Protein backbone atom coordinates (compact mmCIF):
# COMPACT_ATOMS: atom_id res chain seq x y z
CA MET A 1 0.38 0.45 -0.08
CA LYS A 2 2.55 2.22 0.66
CA ASN A 3 4.18 1.84 -2.39
CA LEU A 4 0.64 2.65 -5.04
CA ILE A 5 -0.04 5.58 -2.68
CA LYS A 6 3.73 7.51 -3.31
CA TYR A 7 3.20 5.50 -7.08
CA SER A 8 0.22 7.60 -7.04
CA GLY A 9 1.60 10.82 -5.39
CA ILE A 10 4.47 10.68 -7.91
CA ALA A 11 1.52 10.31 -10.92
CA LEU A 12 -0.31 13.14 -9.52
CA LEU A 13 2.94 15.33 -9.55
CA MET A 14 4.26 14.53 -13.26
CA ALA A 15 0.41 15.20 -14.46
CA MET A 16 0.47 18.22 -12.20
CA GLY A 17 3.48 18.65 -14.30
CA PHE A 18 1.67 17.80 -17.84
CA GLN A 19 -1.25 21.31 -16.90
CA ALA A 20 0.25 22.65 -19.46
CA GLN A 21 -2.44 23.13 -21.58
CA ALA A 22 -1.82 20.63 -25.44
CA GLN A 23 -3.52 23.06 -27.62
CA ASP A 24 -6.12 21.24 -29.64
CA VAL A 25 -4.23 22.52 -32.98
CA ASP A 26 -6.11 21.59 -36.00
CA VAL A 27 -7.36 22.73 -39.42
CA LEU A 28 -4.91 24.78 -42.02
CA VAL A 29 -6.39 25.12 -44.99
CA VAL A 30 -4.75 26.69 -48.05
CA GLU A 31 -6.11 28.15 -51.40
CA ASP A 32 -5.04 30.24 -53.96
CA ASN A 33 -1.87 30.10 -52.09
CA ASP A 34 -3.05 32.60 -48.70
CA SER A 35 -3.52 30.26 -46.07
CA LYS A 36 -5.99 30.33 -42.29
CA THR A 37 -6.06 28.49 -40.12
CA LEU A 38 -9.91 27.09 -39.69
CA TRP A 39 -10.66 26.02 -36.27
CA ASP A 40 -13.05 22.44 -37.66
CA ARG A 41 -11.51 19.56 -36.78
CA SER A 42 -14.17 17.78 -38.48
CA LEU A 43 -11.35 15.39 -40.86
CA PRO A 44 -13.60 12.96 -42.25
CA ASN A 45 -13.32 9.18 -41.49
CA TYR A 46 -10.49 9.44 -39.60
CA ARG A 47 -9.99 8.48 -36.00
CA TYR A 48 -9.07 11.40 -33.72
CA PRO A 49 -6.02 11.92 -31.22
CA ASP A 50 -7.58 11.83 -28.37
CA GLN A 51 -10.39 10.61 -25.81
CA ARG A 52 -12.96 11.15 -28.61
CA GLY A 53 -11.22 8.04 -30.14
CA VAL A 54 -11.14 5.64 -27.83
CA ASN A 55 -12.64 2.79 -28.52
CA THR A 56 -12.88 3.07 -32.08
CA PHE A 57 -11.48 0.98 -34.47
CA GLU A 58 -11.06 1.10 -38.22
CA PRO A 59 -12.68 4.55 -38.87
CA ASN A 60 -16.63 4.76 -39.57
CA LYS A 61 -17.19 4.78 -43.20
CA ASP A 62 -18.75 8.79 -43.58
CA ILE A 63 -20.95 9.08 -46.89
CA ASN A 64 -22.16 11.94 -45.85
CA LEU A 65 -18.40 14.28 -47.32
CA GLU A 66 -19.32 17.92 -47.06
CA GLU A 67 -17.63 20.14 -50.85
CA PHE A 68 -14.61 20.11 -50.73
CA GLU A 69 -12.68 23.22 -50.29
CA GLY A 70 -9.17 23.04 -50.33
CA VAL A 71 -6.42 21.46 -48.87
CA GLN A 72 -6.88 20.89 -44.79
CA VAL A 73 -3.34 20.00 -43.40
CA ARG A 74 -3.35 18.70 -39.85
CA LEU A 75 -0.10 18.48 -37.48
CA GLY A 76 -0.95 16.73 -34.51
CA GLY A 77 1.77 14.78 -31.88
CA ALA A 78 1.46 12.84 -29.18
CA PHE A 79 4.19 12.12 -25.62
CA ALA A 80 5.12 9.60 -22.95
CA LEU A 81 6.53 9.45 -19.97
CA GLN A 82 6.69 6.59 -17.57
CA PHE A 83 7.92 6.51 -13.95
CA GLN A 84 9.18 2.51 -13.79
CA GLY A 85 9.35 0.58 -10.48
CA LEU A 86 10.11 -3.50 -11.31
CA GLU A 87 12.12 -5.76 -9.99
CA GLN A 88 12.66 -9.69 -11.94
CA GLU A 89 14.75 -12.39 -10.50
CA ASN A 90 15.60 -15.96 -12.64
CA GLU A 91 17.53 -18.29 -11.81
CA SER A 92 19.54 -18.52 -15.57
CA THR A 93 22.35 -19.60 -16.27
CA LEU A 94 22.14 -16.39 -17.48
CA PRO A 95 22.44 -13.38 -14.97
CA VAL A 96 19.26 -10.15 -15.30
CA TYR A 97 19.92 -6.55 -14.29
CA GLU A 98 19.04 -5.94 -11.29
CA LEU A 99 16.06 -2.90 -11.75
CA GLY A 100 15.60 0.78 -10.04
CA LYS A 101 13.21 2.90 -10.27
CA ASP A 102 13.56 5.83 -12.46
CA PHE A 103 11.95 7.43 -15.31
CA ASN A 104 12.00 5.63 -18.84
CA LEU A 105 12.45 7.63 -21.95
CA ALA A 106 10.22 10.00 -23.10
CA THR A 107 8.76 9.41 -26.62
CA ALA A 108 7.43 11.53 -28.63
CA ASN A 109 5.52 11.13 -31.81
CA MET A 110 4.46 13.68 -34.30
CA THR A 111 1.98 13.10 -36.95
CA PHE A 112 -0.14 14.99 -40.66
CA ASP A 113 -2.80 14.04 -41.96
CA ILE A 114 -4.12 16.23 -45.12
CA LEU A 115 -6.95 16.67 -46.57
CA LEU A 116 -6.26 16.49 -50.38
CA ALA A 117 -9.76 15.46 -52.40
CA LYS A 118 -13.19 14.41 -51.46
CA GLY A 119 -12.62 12.05 -49.47
CA VAL A 120 -9.04 11.53 -49.66
CA ARG A 121 -6.44 11.51 -46.47
CA VAL A 122 -3.29 11.16 -47.02
CA HIS A 123 -2.06 9.75 -42.80
CA LEU A 124 1.94 10.74 -42.31
CA ASN A 125 3.54 9.93 -38.49
CA THR A 126 7.33 10.08 -37.89
CA TYR A 127 8.61 8.82 -34.28
CA LEU A 128 10.87 11.73 -33.71
CA SER A 129 12.06 9.90 -30.01
CA SER A 130 11.40 5.67 -29.04
CA GLN A 131 13.34 3.13 -27.11
CA HIS A 132 15.31 2.10 -29.61
CA HIS A 133 15.98 4.87 -31.92
CA PRO A 134 16.11 7.72 -29.89
CA GLU A 135 17.08 10.09 -33.48
CA ALA A 136 13.64 10.95 -35.59
CA TYR A 137 12.46 8.34 -38.68
CA VAL A 138 9.63 7.76 -40.36
CA LYS A 139 7.05 4.97 -38.94
CA GLY A 140 4.88 4.99 -42.36
CA GLY A 141 1.74 6.87 -44.37
CA TYR A 142 -0.49 6.09 -46.21
CA LEU A 143 -3.06 7.56 -48.14
CA GLN A 144 -6.88 6.39 -47.59
CA VAL A 145 -9.56 6.75 -50.61
CA ASP A 146 -13.35 7.56 -49.89
CA ASN A 147 -14.39 9.18 -52.60
CA LEU A 148 -14.15 9.56 -55.99
CA ASP A 149 -14.92 12.60 -57.26
CA PHE A 150 -11.71 14.00 -57.32
CA ILE A 151 -11.83 11.33 -60.62
CA SER A 152 -14.67 12.36 -61.97
CA GLU A 153 -17.88 13.84 -60.72
CA GLY A 154 -19.87 10.66 -59.32
CA LEU A 155 -18.13 8.02 -60.05
CA ALA A 156 -18.41 4.89 -58.72
CA SER A 157 -20.95 6.37 -56.84
CA GLY A 158 -23.65 4.21 -54.90
CA LEU A 159 -20.68 1.18 -54.52
CA MET A 160 -18.06 3.93 -52.66
CA GLU A 161 -21.16 4.38 -49.60
CA HIS A 162 -19.72 1.07 -48.69
CA LEU A 163 -16.10 0.92 -49.31
CA ARG A 164 -12.81 2.18 -48.95
CA ILE A 165 -9.63 1.84 -49.80
CA LYS A 166 -5.81 2.13 -48.51
CA PHE A 167 -2.91 1.35 -49.02
CA GLY A 168 0.52 2.84 -48.58
CA HIS A 169 4.04 2.10 -45.90
CA MET A 170 1.37 1.58 -43.39
CA GLU A 171 0.50 -0.81 -40.22
CA ASN A 172 -1.34 -3.73 -40.99
CA ASN A 173 -4.70 -4.09 -39.91
CA TYR A 174 -4.71 -7.12 -38.79
CA GLY A 175 -6.68 -7.99 -35.42
CA ASP A 176 -8.42 -5.64 -33.46
CA ALA A 177 -5.58 -5.43 -30.70
CA HIS A 178 -2.88 -3.11 -32.95
CA PHE A 179 -6.32 -0.15 -32.27
CA ARG A 180 -5.73 -0.91 -28.24
CA ARG A 181 -1.89 -1.11 -28.27
CA SER A 182 0.76 1.84 -27.76
CA ASP A 183 1.94 3.04 -30.97
CA ASN A 184 5.47 4.49 -29.23
CA ALA A 185 4.23 7.68 -28.49
CA MET A 186 0.43 8.00 -28.51
CA ALA A 187 -0.33 5.81 -25.41
CA LEU A 188 -2.96 7.22 -25.05
CA TYR A 189 -5.92 4.24 -27.10
CA ASN A 190 -4.50 1.89 -24.15
CA PRO A 191 -5.88 1.56 -20.94
CA PHE A 192 -2.05 -0.57 -19.22
CA VAL A 193 0.68 0.35 -20.05
CA GLY A 194 2.10 -2.25 -22.01
CA ASN A 195 1.59 -3.44 -25.22
CA TYR A 196 0.07 -7.59 -25.20
CA LEU A 197 2.33 -10.57 -25.28
CA MET A 198 3.04 -11.89 -28.50
CA ASP A 199 2.13 -7.69 -30.39
CA SER A 200 0.90 -8.23 -33.43
CA PHE A 201 1.69 -4.99 -35.14
CA THR A 202 3.67 -4.77 -38.39
CA THR A 203 4.39 -1.46 -40.88
CA GLU A 204 4.69 -2.91 -44.81
CA VAL A 205 4.51 -1.31 -48.72
CA GLY A 206 0.67 -2.80 -49.66
CA GLY A 207 -3.32 -2.34 -49.75
CA GLU A 208 -6.23 -3.17 -48.32
CA ILE A 209 -9.61 -2.78 -48.92
CA TYR A 210 -13.01 -2.18 -47.02
CA TYR A 211 -16.61 -2.34 -47.41
CA PHE A 212 -18.93 -0.50 -44.61
CA ASN A 213 -22.07 -1.76 -44.35
CA ASP A 214 -25.32 -1.07 -41.57
CA GLY A 215 -21.99 -2.78 -38.38
CA TRP A 216 -20.91 -5.34 -41.17
CA LEU A 217 -16.93 -5.12 -42.30
CA GLY A 218 -15.13 -6.96 -44.25
CA MET A 219 -11.31 -6.17 -45.83
CA VAL A 220 -8.91 -8.52 -47.66
CA GLY A 221 -5.05 -6.89 -48.27
CA PHE A 222 -1.90 -7.91 -49.41
CA THR A 223 1.82 -7.04 -48.48
CA ASN A 224 4.88 -6.86 -49.84
CA GLY A 225 6.62 -9.24 -46.97
CA LYS A 226 9.57 -6.59 -45.86
CA LEU A 227 9.33 -4.47 -42.44
CA ASN A 228 13.08 -3.11 -44.54
CA GLN A 229 12.49 -1.99 -48.29
CA SER A 230 14.65 -3.47 -50.49
CA THR A 231 14.78 -4.45 -54.14
CA SER A 232 17.82 -6.43 -53.54
CA SER A 233 16.63 -11.08 -52.24
CA GLU A 234 14.66 -11.42 -55.35
CA GLY A 235 12.42 -15.03 -54.48
CA HIS A 236 13.23 -15.26 -50.78
CA THR A 237 9.86 -13.36 -50.14
CA SER A 238 6.46 -13.85 -51.12
CA PRO A 239 3.23 -11.79 -50.61
CA SER A 240 1.36 -12.08 -47.63
CA LEU A 241 -2.25 -11.82 -47.25
CA LEU A 242 -4.38 -10.38 -44.85
CA ALA A 243 -8.71 -10.52 -44.62
CA LYS A 244 -11.37 -9.43 -41.89
CA ILE A 245 -13.96 -10.23 -41.40
CA GLY A 246 -16.53 -8.62 -38.43
CA TYR A 247 -19.81 -7.08 -36.73
CA ASP A 248 -19.84 -3.54 -35.28
CA LYS A 249 -22.98 -2.72 -33.54
CA GLN A 250 -24.34 0.47 -31.44
CA ILE A 251 -27.32 -1.29 -30.24
CA SER A 252 -28.80 1.26 -28.22
CA GLU A 253 -27.74 4.18 -26.33
CA ASP A 254 -25.29 2.19 -23.44
CA PHE A 255 -24.23 -1.34 -25.23
CA ARG A 256 -22.48 -2.02 -28.48
CA PHE A 257 -21.67 -5.45 -29.49
CA ARG A 258 -18.21 -6.13 -31.60
CA LEU A 259 -16.51 -9.36 -32.99
CA THR A 260 -14.21 -9.48 -35.37
CA GLY A 261 -11.80 -12.03 -37.72
CA SER A 262 -8.81 -11.98 -38.77
CA LEU A 263 -5.95 -13.40 -40.96
CA PHE A 264 -2.36 -13.33 -41.15
CA HIS A 265 -0.56 -15.79 -44.43
CA SER A 266 2.42 -15.58 -45.46
CA ASN A 267 3.58 -18.53 -47.58
CA GLN A 268 7.33 -17.93 -47.91
CA SER A 269 9.76 -14.66 -46.10
CA LYS A 270 12.86 -14.58 -45.30
CA ASN A 271 11.66 -13.19 -42.45
CA ILE A 272 7.70 -12.77 -41.01
CA TYR A 273 7.87 -9.22 -39.10
CA LEU A 274 3.52 -9.94 -37.58
CA TYR A 275 5.51 -10.05 -33.67
CA SER A 276 9.08 -8.16 -34.53
CA GLY A 277 7.98 -5.57 -36.33
CA ASP A 278 7.86 -2.54 -33.58
CA ARG A 279 10.67 -1.01 -33.83
CA ALA A 280 9.54 1.61 -31.07
CA GLY A 281 10.33 -0.52 -28.45
CA SER A 282 8.69 -2.11 -25.42
CA ARG A 283 6.97 0.11 -22.02
CA TYR A 284 8.82 -2.62 -19.70
CA TYR A 285 12.57 -1.02 -20.00
CA ASN A 286 15.48 -4.11 -19.59
CA VAL A 287 13.08 -6.87 -18.47
CA MET A 288 14.42 -10.39 -18.85
CA SER A 289 18.16 -8.87 -19.69
CA GLY A 290 21.44 -8.43 -18.71
CA SER A 291 24.84 -8.70 -19.41
CA LEU A 292 27.35 -11.42 -18.99
CA PRO A 293 30.84 -10.34 -17.04
CA ASP A 294 32.93 -8.82 -20.39
CA GLY A 295 29.68 -6.78 -21.15
CA THR A 296 28.17 -8.34 -23.98
CA ALA A 297 24.43 -7.78 -23.59
CA VAL A 298 22.28 -11.23 -22.98
CA GLY A 299 17.80 -11.46 -23.28
CA ASP A 300 15.12 -9.58 -24.99
CA GLY A 301 16.34 -6.24 -26.11
CA PHE A 302 14.19 -2.74 -26.74
CA ARG A 303 11.30 -6.23 -27.82
CA SER A 304 11.71 -6.52 -23.33
CA GLY A 305 9.12 -8.82 -22.26
CA ARG A 306 7.06 -9.25 -25.40
CA ILE A 307 6.99 -12.79 -27.49
CA ASN A 308 8.14 -13.59 -30.34
CA PRO A 309 6.43 -17.08 -31.58
CA ASP A 310 10.33 -16.45 -34.10
CA LEU A 311 8.23 -18.44 -37.00
CA LYS A 312 10.14 -16.37 -39.51
CA ASN A 313 9.96 -18.01 -42.39
CA GLU A 314 6.56 -19.15 -43.28
CA MET A 315 3.32 -18.37 -40.70
CA THR A 316 -0.43 -18.02 -40.78
CA ALA A 317 -2.07 -16.85 -37.88
CA PHE A 318 -5.65 -15.90 -37.15
CA MET A 319 -7.90 -13.46 -34.22
CA ILE A 320 -10.65 -13.75 -32.59
CA ASN A 321 -11.61 -10.00 -31.38
CA PRO A 322 -14.51 -9.60 -28.69
CA PHE A 323 -15.92 -6.40 -27.86
CA ILE A 324 -18.91 -5.44 -25.57
CA LYS A 325 -19.24 -2.45 -23.95
CA ALA A 326 -22.32 -1.29 -21.76
CA GLY A 327 -22.47 1.43 -20.40
CA GLY A 328 -19.67 2.48 -18.03
CA LEU A 329 -18.53 -0.78 -18.20
CA GLU A 330 -16.10 -2.65 -21.24
CA PHE A 331 -14.89 -5.99 -22.07
CA PHE A 332 -12.25 -7.03 -25.13
CA GLY A 333 -10.89 -10.79 -25.36
CA ILE A 334 -8.40 -12.10 -27.51
CA TYR A 335 -8.00 -15.53 -29.01
CA GLU A 336 -5.03 -15.87 -31.20
CA ARG A 337 -3.41 -19.37 -32.91
CA ALA A 338 -0.60 -19.08 -35.55
CA LYS A 339 1.74 -21.66 -36.38
CA GLY A 340 4.23 -21.70 -38.78
CA LYS A 341 7.99 -22.61 -39.64
CA TYR A 342 11.59 -21.81 -40.01
CA ALA A 343 12.86 -22.61 -43.72
CA SER A 344 15.46 -25.31 -41.78
CA GLU A 345 12.01 -26.62 -39.67
CA THR A 346 10.53 -30.02 -41.08
CA ASP A 347 7.46 -29.52 -38.47
CA GLU A 348 5.14 -26.41 -37.75
CA ARG A 349 5.41 -25.13 -34.15
CA THR A 350 2.38 -24.11 -32.61
CA TRP A 351 1.32 -20.60 -30.02
CA ASN A 352 -2.37 -19.69 -28.78
CA GLN A 353 -2.77 -16.42 -26.71
CA TYR A 354 -5.31 -15.77 -24.53
CA ALA A 355 -6.33 -11.86 -23.40
CA GLY A 356 -8.94 -10.80 -21.22
CA GLU A 357 -9.53 -6.74 -20.56
CA LEU A 358 -12.46 -5.82 -17.87
CA LEU A 359 -12.65 -2.09 -17.29
CA TYR A 360 -15.24 0.27 -15.63
CA ARG A 361 -15.27 3.85 -16.91
CA PHE A 362 -16.92 6.64 -15.26
CA GLY A 363 -17.22 10.35 -14.00
CA ALA A 364 -18.29 12.90 -15.85
CA ASP A 365 -17.60 11.75 -19.61
CA GLU A 366 -16.38 8.37 -18.26
CA ASN A 367 -13.11 10.95 -18.01
CA PHE A 368 -11.54 8.15 -14.46
CA TYR A 369 -11.09 3.92 -15.03
CA LEU A 370 -10.49 1.00 -13.12
CA GLY A 371 -9.59 -1.94 -14.45
CA ALA A 372 -7.57 -5.56 -14.69
CA ARG A 373 -6.58 -7.10 -17.60
CA TYR A 374 -4.59 -10.98 -18.05
CA ASN A 375 -2.66 -12.58 -20.84
CA THR A 376 -0.95 -15.45 -21.46
CA VAL A 377 1.25 -17.31 -24.73
CA ASN A 378 1.78 -21.14 -24.79
CA GLY A 379 3.91 -22.19 -27.63
CA GLU A 380 6.93 -23.92 -29.09
CA LEU A 381 10.73 -23.21 -28.71
CA LYS A 382 12.41 -23.88 -31.90
CA SER A 383 14.67 -26.44 -28.78
CA GLY A 384 11.42 -28.08 -28.83
CA ASP A 385 9.71 -26.89 -25.47
CA ASP A 386 6.97 -26.63 -25.29
CA VAL A 387 6.93 -22.93 -22.48
CA LYS A 388 4.19 -20.54 -21.39
CA VAL A 389 4.10 -16.99 -20.10
CA ASN A 390 1.24 -14.94 -17.87
CA ARG A 391 1.02 -11.59 -17.45
CA PHE A 392 -1.89 -10.06 -14.34
CA ASN A 393 -2.27 -5.65 -14.85
CA ILE A 394 -4.91 -4.21 -12.45
CA GLY A 395 -5.00 -0.78 -12.84
CA GLY A 396 -6.63 2.73 -13.57
CA GLY A 397 -6.35 5.87 -15.55
CA TRP A 398 -7.63 9.91 -15.47
CA PHE A 399 -8.33 11.39 -18.75
CA MET A 400 -6.80 15.17 -17.03
CA THR A 401 -8.19 17.01 -19.94
CA LYS A 402 -9.65 15.21 -23.25
CA ASN A 403 -5.75 15.63 -24.66
CA ILE A 404 -3.91 14.47 -20.95
CA LEU A 405 -4.77 11.18 -19.68
CA THR A 406 -2.23 9.84 -16.77
CA LYS A 407 -2.65 6.25 -15.55
CA VAL A 408 -0.71 3.94 -12.96
CA GLU A 409 -0.52 0.06 -12.89
CA TYR A 410 1.20 -2.90 -11.41
CA VAL A 411 1.76 -5.78 -13.69
CA ASN A 412 3.35 -9.12 -12.62
CA GLN A 413 4.58 -11.64 -15.40
CA ASN A 414 6.17 -15.38 -15.19
CA TYR A 415 7.63 -17.57 -17.63
CA ASN A 416 7.16 -21.14 -16.91
CA ASP A 417 8.89 -24.28 -18.55
CA TYR A 418 12.10 -22.63 -21.06
CA PRO A 419 15.09 -24.51 -20.59
CA GLN A 420 17.60 -23.22 -17.73
CA ALA A 421 20.29 -22.19 -21.00
CA ASP A 422 17.48 -19.21 -21.40
CA ILE A 423 17.46 -16.25 -19.61
CA HIS A 424 13.92 -16.93 -19.44
CA HIS A 425 14.41 -19.76 -16.90
CA GLU A 426 12.19 -19.12 -13.69
CA GLY A 427 11.93 -15.95 -14.50
CA GLN A 428 9.12 -12.94 -13.29
CA PHE A 429 9.27 -9.75 -12.72
CA ASN A 430 6.41 -7.00 -11.19
CA GLY A 431 5.99 -3.99 -9.83
CA PHE A 432 4.39 -0.94 -10.46
CA ASN A 433 3.75 1.68 -13.23
CA VAL A 434 2.79 5.32 -13.60
CA GLU A 435 2.35 6.66 -17.51
CA ALA A 436 1.26 10.40 -18.33
CA VAL A 437 0.33 11.02 -22.10
CA ILE A 438 -0.27 14.02 -23.90
CA SER A 439 -2.17 12.88 -27.35
CA PHE A 440 -3.55 16.16 -29.95
């Protein structure tokens, strides 16, 4: 209890430090080489980067588009800072760091959303600072097309009432968990500090086509299967397939139901990045990591605390996600199964992930929430050992404004049945994290 009070106090101090209000930087309209600021906030078919975007998955398909009056540019950003108070131990022949209590590296994102024509928007996201890359680099971007009037007025208007086209070097829409994860500094959609154990997230060059109709949604997409783009090594990587089908409906004012199923398939790849594509780094710094007496680093590195099944050369994965919101009570779940192998392996290996997240949001505009998440993963290592990892989170958050969130969590993670030569053997970490997020 003393620790809880102490860390809650730190959270309050951090929150007070962020009382310099984040400006609602919105839209710049450019017309005939003259520019003016338009306080509009009404980019169509767009996920708000503040509290209004919580529990948004694919942005709604809005067919009632306003007439295009000029290019609109929205500059946005995010900032996140954590105070970490974790302890860890293992019984492996490889040592783990003794962890202290201190602040992590502050992370930052910068985003541009630009309306180029009626129903045509481009998105660009840059990581200004991250655990793995302290220097700035581009995460990716895409072009989203919801209307074809820019080609010819009224072109396929009946069809485009239900269709959306996206293409670019972008975050792939596999599963629903990536809509609730922390994307470097953009941590406002995640009610906890860490992401899921098998963190399905990657950015690849590809395209996706969506269909929306009265709550029903479908998506099919393809990528080139490469995180790092290159024209060399032709023949080693074939296109990856993405697909999703689901139903999402606000059935009544107080009840929403969503259920989706997603598929990922790669037939041949030099390296599949679905569970290792996040170049920014994890939230639990230095866990299950250490160094040998000669200074050689061992362990998970910047992906610490996550599980990568190492199915690198061919893989099929599917994920089922239920989401229910009844009043302030909210449930989100994951059932995921991934199956594949290295090129050198003759037999496929299988990994399973299960997660359940229960939250209660309350207060004016649901500005407060309390909740718990349980996440477990089991599968077969390349060594043939069957292992299991469990994580439990409990915590809460406070939206001080729609742009500022402070959250506190307790996390306990255990590694079971790893071989003794593996740093995860009888590994365990637990403790508190406090995170402050600004997003606009």
